[in-house]
Amino acid sequence: VLCFSTMTRLLDVMEEYLSWKGYKYLRLDGHTSGNERGVLIEEFNKADSTAFIFLL
């Protein structure tokens, strides 16, 4: 699942909720470094990825 938002505050709220529910997730926003972005994308796209949702 991909969740797009233009507001980082909404991503913060989603992150809190997902943590509370115990879901595995990844997050990429404007504070994510260029190197880390590639790593996150590769991790999410793995066939055996444990991430349920990617917050963008």
Foldseek 3Di string as FASTA:
>chain_A
DEAEDPDVVVVVVVVVVCVVVVAAEAEDDPVQDPVVVVVRVVLVPDPPRRHPYYYD
